[in-house]
Amino acid sequence: SEIWEEKADYTEAFPHLLLMAFLQRIINGGGMVDREYAAGRGRMDL
């Protein structure tokens, strides 16, 4: 995370994006991810 974050464009959202990338790498083609996010919700739901 520390090395990859240095090259991130969306630095504040970097943790969310990396976790989603990790999950997508695992389930890619074999399942689906529904995502809920919006301003002021205080979290992202998967």
All heavy atoms as atom14 arrays in JSON, in Angstrom:
{
  "sequence": "SEIWEEKADYTEAFPHLLLMAFLQRIINGGGMVDREYAAGRGRMDL",
  "atom14_mask": [
    [1, 1, 1, 1, 1, 1, 0, 0, 0, 0, 0, 0, 0, 0],
    [1, 1, 1, 1, 1, 1, 1, 1, 1, 0, 0, 0, 0, 0],
    [1, 1, 1, 1, 1, 1, 1, 1, 0, 0, 0, 0, 0, 0],
    [1, 1, 1, 1, 1, 1, 1, 1, 1, 1, 1, 1, 1, 1],
    [1, 1, 1, 1, 1, 1, 1, 1, 1, 0, 0, 0, 0, 0],
    [1, 1, 1, 1, 1, 1, 1, 1, 1, 0, 0, 0, 0, 0],
    [1, 1, 1, 1, 1, 1, 1, 1, 1, 0, 0, 0, 0, 0],
    [1, 1, 1, 1, 1, 0, 0, 0, 0, 0, 0, 0, 0, 0],
    [1, 1, 1, 1, 1, 1, 1, 1, 0, 0, 0, 0, 0, 0],
    [1, 1, 1, 1, 1, 1, 1, 1, 1, 1, 1, 1, 0, 0],
    [1, 1, 1, 1, 1, 1, 1, 0, 0, 0, 0, 0, 0, 0],
    [1, 1, 1, 1, 1, 1, 1, 1, 1, 0, 0, 0, 0, 0],
    [1, 1, 1, 1, 1, 0, 0, 0, 0, 0, 0, 0, 0, 0],
    [1, 1, 1, 1, 1, 1, 1, 1, 1, 1, 1, 0, 0, 0],
    [1, 1, 1, 1, 1, 1, 1, 0, 0, 0, 0, 0, 0, 0],
    [1, 1, 1, 1, 1, 1, 1, 1, 1, 1, 0, 0, 0, 0],
    [1, 1, 1, 1, 1, 1, 1, 1, 0, 0, 0, 0, 0, 0],
    [1, 1, 1, 1, 1, 1, 1, 1, 0, 0, 0, 0, 0, 0],
    [1, 1, 1, 1, 1, 1, 1, 1, 0, 0, 0, 0, 0, 0],
    [1, 1, 1, 1, 1, 1, 1, 1, 0, 0, 0, 0, 0, 0],
    [1, 1, 1, 1, 1, 0, 0, 0, 0, 0, 0, 0, 0, 0],
    [1, 1, 1, 1, 1, 1, 1, 1, 1, 1, 1, 0, 0, 0],
    [1, 1, 1, 1, 1, 1, 1, 1, 0, 0, 0, 0, 0, 0],
    [1, 1, 1, 1, 1, 1, 1, 1, 1, 0, 0, 0, 0, 0],
    [1, 1, 1, 1, 1, 1, 1, 1, 1, 1, 1, 0, 0, 0],
    [1, 1, 1, 1, 1, 1, 1, 1, 0, 0, 0, 0, 0, 0],
    [1, 1, 1, 1, 1, 1, 1, 1, 0, 0, 0, 0, 0, 0],
    [1, 1, 1, 1, 1, 1, 1, 1, 0, 0, 0, 0, 0, 0],
    [1, 1, 1, 1, 0, 0, 0, 0, 0, 0, 0, 0, 0, 0],
    [1, 1, 1, 1, 0, 0, 0, 0, 0, 0, 0, 0, 0, 0],
    [1, 1, 1, 1, 0, 0, 0, 0, 0, 0, 0, 0, 0, 0],
    [1, 1, 1, 1, 1, 1, 1, 1, 0, 0, 0, 0, 0, 0],
    [1, 1, 1, 1, 1, 1, 1, 0, 0, 0, 0, 0, 0, 0],
    [1, 1, 1, 1, 1, 1, 1, 1, 0, 0, 0, 0, 0, 0],
    [1, 1, 1, 1, 1, 1, 1, 1, 1, 1, 1, 0, 0, 0],
    [1, 1, 1, 1, 1, 1, 1, 1, 1, 0, 0, 0, 0, 0],
    [1, 1, 1, 1, 1, 1, 1, 1, 1, 1, 1, 1, 0, 0],
    [1, 1, 1, 1, 1, 0, 0, 0, 0, 0, 0, 0, 0, 0],
    [1, 1, 1, 1, 1, 0, 0, 0, 0, 0, 0, 0, 0, 0],
    [1, 1, 1, 1, 0, 0, 0, 0, 0, 0, 0, 0, 0, 0],
    [1, 1, 1, 1, 1, 1, 1, 1, 1, 1, 1, 0, 0, 0],
    [1, 1, 1, 1, 0, 0, 0, 0, 0, 0, 0, 0, 0, 0],
    [1, 1, 1, 1, 1, 1, 1, 1, 1, 1, 1, 0, 0, 0],
    [1, 1, 1, 1, 1, 1, 1, 1, 0, 0, 0, 0, 0, 0],
    [1, 1, 1, 1, 1, 1, 1, 1, 0, 0, 0, 0, 0, 0],
    [1, 1, 1, 1, 1, 1, 1, 1, 0, 0, 0, 0, 0, 0]
  ],
  "atom14_positions": [
    [[0.81, -1.23, 0.0], [0.0, 0.0, 0.0], [0.84, 1.27, 0.0], [0.51, 2.23, -0.72], [-0.95, 0.0, 1.2], [-0.24, -0.02, 2.42], [0.0, 0.0, 0.0], [0.0, 0.0, 0.0], [0.0, 0.0, 0.0], [0.0, 0.0, 0.0], [0.0, 0.0, 0.0], [0.0, 0.0, 0.0], [0.0, 0.0, 0.0], [0.0, 0.0, 0.0]],
    [[1.9, 1.32, 0.78], [2.65, 2.57, 0.9], [3.34, 2.94, -0.42], [3.38, 4.12, -0.8], [3.67, 2.45, 2.03], [3.01, 2.38, 3.4], [4.02, 2.25, 4.52], [5.22, 1.97, 4.21], [3.64, 2.4, 5.69], [0.0, 0.0, 0.0], [0.0, 0.0, 0.0], [0.0, 0.0, 0.0], [0.0, 0.0, 0.0], [0.0, 0.0, 0.0]],
    [[3.86, 1.95, -1.11], [4.53, 2.21, -2.39], [3.52, 2.56, -3.47], [3.69, 3.51, -4.22], [5.37, 0.99, -2.81], [6.47, 0.74, -1.77], [5.98, 1.19, -4.19], [7.26, -0.53, -2.01], [0.0, 0.0, 0.0], [0.0, 0.0, 0.0], [0.0, 0.0, 0.0], [0.0, 0.0, 0.0], [0.0, 0.0, 0.0], [0.0, 0.0, 0.0]],
    [[2.43, 1.79, -3.52], [1.44, 2.03, -4.57], [0.73, 3.36, -4.37], [0.35, 4.01, -5.35], [0.43, 0.88, -4.58], [0.97, -0.39, -5.19], [2.28, -0.77, -5.26], [0.22, -1.43, -5.8], [2.39, -1.98, -5.87], [1.14, -2.43, -6.22], [-1.13, -1.65, -6.02], [0.74, -3.59, -6.86], [-1.54, -2.83, -6.66], [-0.62, -3.78, -7.07]],
    [[0.53, 3.76, -3.14], [-0.19, 5.01, -2.88], [0.57, 6.21, -3.43], [-0.04, 7.21, -3.84], [-0.43, 5.19, -1.39], [-1.28, 6.42, -1.06], [-1.51, 6.59, 0.42], [-0.87, 5.88, 1.22], [-2.34, 7.44, 0.78], [0.0, 0.0, 0.0], [0.0, 0.0, 0.0], [0.0, 0.0, 0.0], [0.0, 0.0, 0.0], [0.0, 0.0, 0.0]],
    [[1.89, 6.14, -3.46], [2.69, 7.25, -3.96], [2.38, 7.56, -5.43], [2.58, 8.69, -5.88], [4.18, 6.93, -3.82], [4.66, 6.85, -2.37], [6.11, 6.43, -2.28], [6.73, 6.21, -3.35], [6.64, 6.32, -1.15], [0.0, 0.0, 0.0], [0.0, 0.0, 0.0], [0.0, 0.0, 0.0], [0.0, 0.0, 0.0], [0.0, 0.0, 0.0]],
    [[1.87, 6.58, -6.17], [1.59, 6.76, -7.59], [0.1, 6.92, -7.87], [-0.31, 6.95, -9.02], [2.14, 5.57, -8.38], [3.64, 5.37, -8.19], [4.14, 4.15, -8.94], [5.64, 3.96, -8.72], [6.16, 2.77, -9.43], [0.0, 0.0, 0.0], [0.0, 0.0, 0.0], [0.0, 0.0, 0.0], [0.0, 0.0, 0.0], [0.0, 0.0, 0.0]],
    [[-0.7, 7.03, -6.81], [-2.16, 7.09, -6.98], [-2.61, 8.5, -7.35], [-2.06, 9.49, -6.86], [-2.86, 6.64, -5.7], [0.0, 0.0, 0.0], [0.0, 0.0, 0.0], [0.0, 0.0, 0.0], [0.0, 0.0, 0.0], [0.0, 0.0, 0.0], [0.0, 0.0, 0.0], [0.0, 0.0, 0.0], [0.0, 0.0, 0.0], [0.0, 0.0, 0.0]],
    [[-3.62, 8.6, -8.21], [-4.25, 9.87, -8.55], [-5.35, 10.21, -7.55], [-5.5, 11.35, -7.14], [-4.83, 9.82, -9.97], [-3.75, 9.7, -11.03], [-2.68, 10.3, -10.84], [-3.97, 9.01, -12.03], [0.0, 0.0, 0.0], [0.0, 0.0, 0.0], [0.0, 0.0, 0.0], [0.0, 0.0, 0.0], [0.0, 0.0, 0.0], [0.0, 0.0, 0.0]],
    [[-6.13, 9.22, -7.18], [-7.22, 9.4, -6.21], [-6.69, 8.93, -4.85], [-7.03, 7.86, -4.35], [-8.44, 8.58, -6.63], [-9.26, 9.21, -7.74], [-8.72, 9.45, -9.0], [-10.6, 9.56, -7.54], [-9.47, 10.01, -10.03], [-11.36, 10.12, -8.56], [-10.78, 10.34, -9.8], [-11.53, 10.9, -10.81], [0.0, 0.0, 0.0], [0.0, 0.0, 0.0]],
    [[-5.84, 9.76, -4.23], [-5.13, 9.32, -3.04], [-6.05, 9.07, -1.85], [-5.86, 8.12, -1.09], [-4.06, 10.36, -2.65], [-4.68, 11.65, -2.54], [-2.96, 10.42, -3.7], [0.0, 0.0, 0.0], [0.0, 0.0, 0.0], [0.0, 0.0, 0.0], [0.0, 0.0, 0.0], [0.0, 0.0, 0.0], [0.0, 0.0, 0.0], [0.0, 0.0, 0.0]],
    [[-7.06, 9.91, -1.67], [-7.96, 9.72, -0.53], [-8.78, 8.45, -0.67], [-9.13, 7.81, 0.33], [-8.88, 10.94, -0.39], [-8.16, 12.23, 0.0], [-9.12, 13.4, 0.1], [-10.29, 13.17, 0.48], [-8.71, 14.53, -0.2], [0.0, 0.0, 0.0], [0.0, 0.0, 0.0], [0.0, 0.0, 0.0], [0.0, 0.0, 0.0], [0.0, 0.0, 0.0]],
    [[-9.1, 8.09, -1.91], [-9.9, 6.89, -2.15], [-9.03, 5.67, -2.41], [-9.56, 4.6, -2.74], [-10.84, 7.12, -3.34], [0.0, 0.0, 0.0], [0.0, 0.0, 0.0], [0.0, 0.0, 0.0], [0.0, 0.0, 0.0], [0.0, 0.0, 0.0], [0.0, 0.0, 0.0], [0.0, 0.0, 0.0], [0.0, 0.0, 0.0], [0.0, 0.0, 0.0]],
    [[-7.72, 5.8, -2.26], [-6.81, 4.7, -2.58], [-7.15, 3.41, -1.84], [-7.17, 2.32, -2.45], [-5.37, 5.12, -2.3], [-4.37, 4.01, -2.4], [-4.03, 3.47, -3.64], [-3.78, 3.48, -1.27], [-3.12, 2.43, -3.73], [-2.86, 2.44, -1.35], [-2.54, 1.92, -2.59], [0.0, 0.0, 0.0], [0.0, 0.0, 0.0], [0.0, 0.0, 0.0]],
    [[-7.44, 3.43, -0.52], [-7.77, 2.16, 0.16], [-8.98, 1.47, -0.44], [-8.97, 0.25, -0.64], [-8.04, 2.6, 1.61], [-7.31, 3.9, 1.75], [-7.41, 4.57, 0.42], [0.0, 0.0, 0.0], [0.0, 0.0, 0.0], [0.0, 0.0, 0.0], [0.0, 0.0, 0.0], [0.0, 0.0, 0.0], [0.0, 0.0, 0.0], [0.0, 0.0, 0.0]],
    [[-10.02, 2.23, -0.74], [-11.23, 1.66, -1.32], [-10.93, 1.03, -2.67], [-11.38, -0.08, -2.99], [-12.3, 2.74, -1.49], [-12.61, 3.51, -0.25], [-11.71, 4.37, 0.35], [-13.75, 3.58, 0.5], [-12.27, 4.91, 1.42], [-13.51, 4.45, 1.53], [0.0, 0.0, 0.0], [0.0, 0.0, 0.0], [0.0, 0.0, 0.0], [0.0, 0.0, 0.0]],
    [[-10.17, 1.76, -3.5], [-9.88, 1.29, -4.84], [-9.0, 0.04, -4.83], [-9.21, -0.89, -5.63], [-9.22, 2.4, -5.66], [-10.08, 3.64, -5.89], [-9.26, 4.74, -6.56], [-11.31, 3.31, -6.74], [0.0, 0.0, 0.0], [0.0, 0.0, 0.0], [0.0, 0.0, 0.0], [0.0, 0.0, 0.0], [0.0, 0.0, 0.0], [0.0, 0.0, 0.0]],
    [[-8.03, -0.01, -3.91], [-7.15, -1.18, -3.87], [-7.89, -2.42, -3.37], [-7.7, -3.52, -3.9], [-5.93, -0.9, -2.99], [-4.83, -1.97, -3.04], [-4.32, -2.15, -4.47], [-3.69, -1.62, -2.11], [0.0, 0.0, 0.0], [0.0, 0.0, 0.0], [0.0, 0.0, 0.0], [0.0, 0.0, 0.0], [0.0, 0.0, 0.0], [0.0, 0.0, 0.0]],
    [[-8.75, -2.25, -2.39], [-9.53, -3.39, -1.92], [-10.46, -3.89, -3.02], [-10.6, -5.11, -3.23], [-10.33, -3.02, -0.67], [-11.27, -4.11, -0.12], [-10.52, -5.42, 0.13], [-11.96, -3.63, 1.16], [0.0, 0.0, 0.0], [0.0, 0.0, 0.0], [0.0, 0.0, 0.0], [0.0, 0.0, 0.0], [0.0, 0.0, 0.0], [0.0, 0.0, 0.0]],
    [[-11.1, -2.98, -3.73], [-11.98, -3.41, -4.83], [-11.19, -4.11, -5.92], [-11.66, -5.09, -6.51], [-12.74, -2.2, -5.38], [-13.84, -1.69, -4.47], [-14.92, -0.48, -5.26], [-13.82, 0.93, -5.41], [0.0, 0.0, 0.0], [0.0, 0.0, 0.0], [0.0, 0.0, 0.0], [0.0, 0.0, 0.0], [0.0, 0.0, 0.0], [0.0, 0.0, 0.0]],
    [[-9.99, -3.61, -6.22], [-9.15, -4.26, -7.23], [-8.78, -5.67, -6.79], [-8.79, -6.61, -7.59], [-7.9, -3.43, -7.48], [0.0, 0.0, 0.0], [0.0, 0.0, 0.0], [0.0, 0.0, 0.0], [0.0, 0.0, 0.0], [0.0, 0.0, 0.0], [0.0, 0.0, 0.0], [0.0, 0.0, 0.0], [0.0, 0.0, 0.0], [0.0, 0.0, 0.0]],
    [[-8.45, -5.83, -5.52], [-8.08, -7.14, -4.98], [-9.25, -8.12, -5.1], [-9.08, -9.26, -5.55], [-7.65, -6.98, -3.52], [-7.18, -8.24, -2.88], [-5.86, -8.64, -3.0], [-8.06, -9.03, -2.15], [-5.43, -9.82, -2.4], [-7.63, -10.2, -1.56], [-6.31, -10.61, -1.68], [0.0, 0.0, 0.0], [0.0, 0.0, 0.0], [0.0, 0.0, 0.0]],
    [[-10.42, -7.67, -4.73], [-11.6, -8.53, -4.8], [-11.96, -8.87, -6.25], [-12.3, -10.01, -6.57], [-12.78, -7.85, -4.1], [-12.64, -7.63, -2.6], [-13.77, -6.75, -2.09], [-12.62, -8.97, -1.86], [0.0, 0.0, 0.0], [0.0, 0.0, 0.0], [0.0, 0.0, 0.0], [0.0, 0.0, 0.0], [0.0, 0.0, 0.0], [0.0, 0.0, 0.0]],
    [[-11.88, -7.86, -7.12], [-12.22, -8.08, -8.52], [-11.25, -9.07, -9.16], [-11.64, -9.87, -10.02], [-12.21, -6.75, -9.29], [-12.92, -6.8, -10.63], [-14.43, -6.94, -10.48], [-15.05, -6.28, -9.67], [-15.01, -7.82, -11.28], [0.0, 0.0, 0.0], [0.0, 0.0, 0.0], [0.0, 0.0, 0.0], [0.0, 0.0, 0.0], [0.0, 0.0, 0.0]],
    [[-9.99, -9.0, -8.74], [-8.99, -9.94, -9.28], [-9.35, -11.37, -8.93], [-9.12, -12.3, -9.73], [-7.61, -9.6, -8.69], [-6.47, -10.45, -9.25], [-6.2, -10.02, -10.67], [-5.06, -10.73, -11.23], [-5.13, -11.9, -11.86], [-6.3, -12.51, -11.99], [-4.06, -12.47, -12.37], [0.0, 0.0, 0.0], [0.0, 0.0, 0.0], [0.0, 0.0, 0.0]],
    [[-9.95, -11.57, -7.78], [-10.31, -12.91, -7.33], [-11.56, -13.42, -8.04], [-11.59, -14.54, -8.57], [-10.55, -12.94, -5.8], [-9.29, -12.5, -5.06], [-11.01, -14.32, -5.35], [-8.09, -13.38, -5.27], [0.0, 0.0, 0.0], [0.0, 0.0, 0.0], [0.0, 0.0, 0.0], [0.0, 0.0, 0.0], [0.0, 0.0, 0.0], [0.0, 0.0, 0.0]],
    [[-12.61, -12.61, -8.08], [-13.9, -13.09, -8.56], [-14.13, -12.78, -10.04], [-15.18, -13.1, -10.58], [-15.06, -12.47, -7.75], [-15.18, -10.97, -8.04], [-14.88, -12.72, -6.28], [-16.46, -10.37, -7.53], [0.0, 0.0, 0.0], [0.0, 0.0, 0.0], [0.0, 0.0, 0.0], [0.0, 0.0, 0.0], [0.0, 0.0, 0.0], [0.0, 0.0, 0.0]],
    [[-13.17, -12.16, -10.7], [-13.34, -11.68, -12.07], [-13.94, -12.76, -12.96], [-13.36, -13.83, -13.14], [-11.98, -11.23, -12.63], [-12.14, -10.39, -13.88], [-13.15, -9.7, -14.05], [-11.16, -10.45, -14.75], [0.0, 0.0, 0.0], [0.0, 0.0, 0.0], [0.0, 0.0, 0.0], [0.0, 0.0, 0.0], [0.0, 0.0, 0.0], [0.0, 0.0, 0.0]],
    [[-15.1, -12.48, -13.52], [-15.76, -13.4, -14.44], [-16.6, -14.46, -13.76], [-17.39, -15.14, -14.42], [0.0, 0.0, 0.0], [0.0, 0.0, 0.0], [0.0, 0.0, 0.0], [0.0, 0.0, 0.0], [0.0, 0.0, 0.0], [0.0, 0.0, 0.0], [0.0, 0.0, 0.0], [0.0, 0.0, 0.0], [0.0, 0.0, 0.0], [0.0, 0.0, 0.0]],
    [[-16.44, -14.62, -12.43], [-17.19, -15.67, -11.76], [-18.27, -15.18, -10.84], [-18.99, -15.98, -10.24], [0.0, 0.0, 0.0], [0.0, 0.0, 0.0], [0.0, 0.0, 0.0], [0.0, 0.0, 0.0], [0.0, 0.0, 0.0], [0.0, 0.0, 0.0], [0.0, 0.0, 0.0], [0.0, 0.0, 0.0], [0.0, 0.0, 0.0], [0.0, 0.0, 0.0]],
    [[-18.41, -13.88, -10.7], [-19.42, -13.32, -9.81], [-19.62, -11.85, -10.11], [-19.12, -11.33, -11.11], [0.0, 0.0, 0.0], [0.0, 0.0, 0.0], [0.0, 0.0, 0.0], [0.0, 0.0, 0.0], [0.0, 0.0, 0.0], [0.0, 0.0, 0.0], [0.0, 0.0, 0.0], [0.0, 0.0, 0.0], [0.0, 0.0, 0.0], [0.0, 0.0, 0.0]],
    [[-20.36, -11.18, -9.25], [-20.65, -9.77, -9.44], [-20.5, -9.03, -8.13], [-20.69, -9.6, -7.05], [-22.07, -9.57, -9.99], [-22.31, -10.19, -11.36], [-23.88, -9.69, -12.06], [-23.58, -7.95, -12.34], [0.0, 0.0, 0.0], [0.0, 0.0, 0.0], [0.0, 0.0, 0.0], [0.0, 0.0, 0.0], [0.0, 0.0, 0.0], [0.0, 0.0, 0.0]],
    [[-20.16, -7.75, -8.25], [-20.06, -6.88, -7.08], [-21.03, -5.72, -7.25], [-20.95, -4.99, -8.25], [-18.63, -6.34, -6.89], [-18.56, -5.45, -5.64], [-17.62, -7.47, -6.8], [0.0, 0.0, 0.0], [0.0, 0.0, 0.0], [0.0, 0.0, 0.0], [0.0, 0.0, 0.0], [0.0, 0.0, 0.0], [0.0, 0.0, 0.0], [0.0, 0.0, 0.0]],
    [[-21.95, -5.59, -6.33], [-22.84, -4.42, -6.31], [-22.22, -3.39, -5.37], [-21.81, -3.73, -4.26], [-24.23, -4.79, -5.81], [-24.92, -5.79, -6.73], [-24.69, -5.71, -7.94], [-25.68, -6.64, -6.22], [0.0, 0.0, 0.0], [0.0, 0.0, 0.0], [0.0, 0.0, 0.0], [0.0, 0.0, 0.0], [0.0, 0.0, 0.0], [0.0, 0.0, 0.0]],
    [[-22.15, -2.14, -5.83], [-21.47, -1.09, -5.07], [-22.43, 0.05, -4.76], [-23.17, 0.47, -5.64], [-20.26, -0.57, -5.85], [-19.36, -1.68, -6.38], [-18.34, -1.14, -7.37], [-17.87, -2.2, -8.26], [-16.78, -2.92, -8.08], [-16.02, -2.68, -7.05], [-16.44, -3.87, -8.92], [0.0, 0.0, 0.0], [0.0, 0.0, 0.0], [0.0, 0.0, 0.0]],
    [[-22.38, 0.52, -3.55], [-23.19, 1.67, -3.14], [-22.25, 2.71, -2.53], [-21.55, 2.43, -1.55], [-24.24, 1.27, -2.11], [-25.3, 0.31, -2.62], [-26.3, 0.97, -3.57], [-26.37, 2.21, -3.55], [-26.97, 0.24, -4.31], [0.0, 0.0, 0.0], [0.0, 0.0, 0.0], [0.0, 0.0, 0.0], [0.0, 0.0, 0.0], [0.0, 0.0, 0.0]],
    [[-22.22, 3.9, -3.14], [-21.45, 4.98, -2.54], [-22.01, 6.31, -3.01], [-22.55, 6.43, -4.11], [-19.95, 4.87, -2.88], [-19.59, 4.75, -4.35], [-19.27, 5.86, -5.1], [-19.51, 3.51, -4.96], [-18.9, 5.75, -6.43], [-19.15, 3.37, -6.29], [-18.84, 4.5, -7.02], [-18.48, 4.39, -8.35], [0.0, 0.0, 0.0], [0.0, 0.0, 0.0]],
    [[-21.91, 7.31, -2.14], [-22.42, 8.64, -2.44], [-21.86, 9.61, -1.41], [-21.42, 9.21, -0.33], [-23.95, 8.67, -2.42], [0.0, 0.0, 0.0], [0.0, 0.0, 0.0], [0.0, 0.0, 0.0], [0.0, 0.0, 0.0], [0.0, 0.0, 0.0], [0.0, 0.0, 0.0], [0.0, 0.0, 0.0], [0.0, 0.0, 0.0], [0.0, 0.0, 0.0]],
    [[-21.89, 10.89, -1.75], [-21.39, 11.92, -0.84], [-22.19, 11.9, 0.47], [-23.42, 11.81, 0.45], [-21.48, 13.29, -1.49], [0.0, 0.0, 0.0], [0.0, 0.0, 0.0], [0.0, 0.0, 0.0], [0.0, 0.0, 0.0], [0.0, 0.0, 0.0], [0.0, 0.0, 0.0], [0.0, 0.0, 0.0], [0.0, 0.0, 0.0], [0.0, 0.0, 0.0]],
    [[-21.46, 11.97, 1.58], [-22.11, 12.08, 2.88], [-22.53, 10.78, 3.52], [-23.03, 10.79, 4.65], [0.0, 0.0, 0.0], [0.0, 0.0, 0.0], [0.0, 0.0, 0.0], [0.0, 0.0, 0.0], [0.0, 0.0, 0.0], [0.0, 0.0, 0.0], [0.0, 0.0, 0.0], [0.0, 0.0, 0.0], [0.0, 0.0, 0.0], [0.0, 0.0, 0.0]],
    [[-22.32, 9.62, 2.85], [-22.74, 8.34, 3.43], [-21.74, 7.84, 4.48], [-22.07, 7.01, 5.32], [-22.88, 7.27, 2.34], [-23.98, 7.55, 1.35], [-24.08, 6.46, 0.31], [-24.82, 5.3, 0.82], [-24.3, 4.09, 0.99], [-23.02, 3.9, 0.72], [-25.02, 3.1, 1.44], [0.0, 0.0, 0.0], [0.0, 0.0, 0.0], [0.0, 0.0, 0.0]],
    [[-20.52, 8.33, 4.41], [-19.52, 7.95, 5.39], [-18.94, 6.57, 5.2], [-18.21, 6.08, 6.06], [0.0, 0.0, 0.0], [0.0, 0.0, 0.0], [0.0, 0.0, 0.0], [0.0, 0.0, 0.0], [0.0, 0.0, 0.0], [0.0, 0.0, 0.0], [0.0, 0.0, 0.0], [0.0, 0.0, 0.0], [0.0, 0.0, 0.0], [0.0, 0.0, 0.0]],
    [[-19.24, 5.92, 4.09], [-18.69, 4.58, 3.85], [-19.0, 4.19, 2.41], [-19.78, 4.83, 1.71], [-19.27, 3.54, 4.79], [-20.66, 2.98, 4.43], [-21.8, 3.84, 4.88], [-23.08, 3.2, 4.69], [-24.26, 3.82, 4.84], [-24.29, 5.1, 5.19], [-25.38, 3.17, 4.66], [0.0, 0.0, 0.0], [0.0, 0.0, 0.0], [0.0, 0.0, 0.0]],
    [[-18.39, 3.07, 1.98], [-18.74, 2.42, 0.73], [-19.23, 1.02, 1.06], [-18.63, 0.31, 1.88], [-17.54, 2.34, -0.21], [-17.79, 1.48, -1.45], [-16.32, 1.3, -2.51], [-16.39, 2.88, -3.37], [0.0, 0.0, 0.0], [0.0, 0.0, 0.0], [0.0, 0.0, 0.0], [0.0, 0.0, 0.0], [0.0, 0.0, 0.0], [0.0, 0.0, 0.0]],
    [[-20.34, 0.6, 0.45], [-20.89, -0.73, 0.67], [-20.68, -1.59, -0.57], [-20.96, -1.15, -1.7], [-22.39, -0.66, 0.97], [-22.68, 0.04, 2.29], [-21.94, -0.22, 3.25], [-23.64, 0.83, 2.36], [0.0, 0.0, 0.0], [0.0, 0.0, 0.0], [0.0, 0.0, 0.0], [0.0, 0.0, 0.0], [0.0, 0.0, 0.0], [0.0, 0.0, 0.0]],
    [[-20.22, -2.8, -0.36], [-20.05, -3.78, -1.44], [-20.86, -5.02, -1.11], [-20.87, -5.48, 0.04], [-18.58, -4.19, -1.6], [-17.53, -3.08, -1.75], [-16.14, -3.71, -1.84], [-17.81, -2.23, -2.97], [0.0, 0.0, 0.0], [0.0, 0.0, 0.0], [0.0, 0.0, 0.0], [0.0, 0.0, 0.0], [0.0, 0.0, 0.0], [0.0, 0.0, 0.0]]
  ]
}
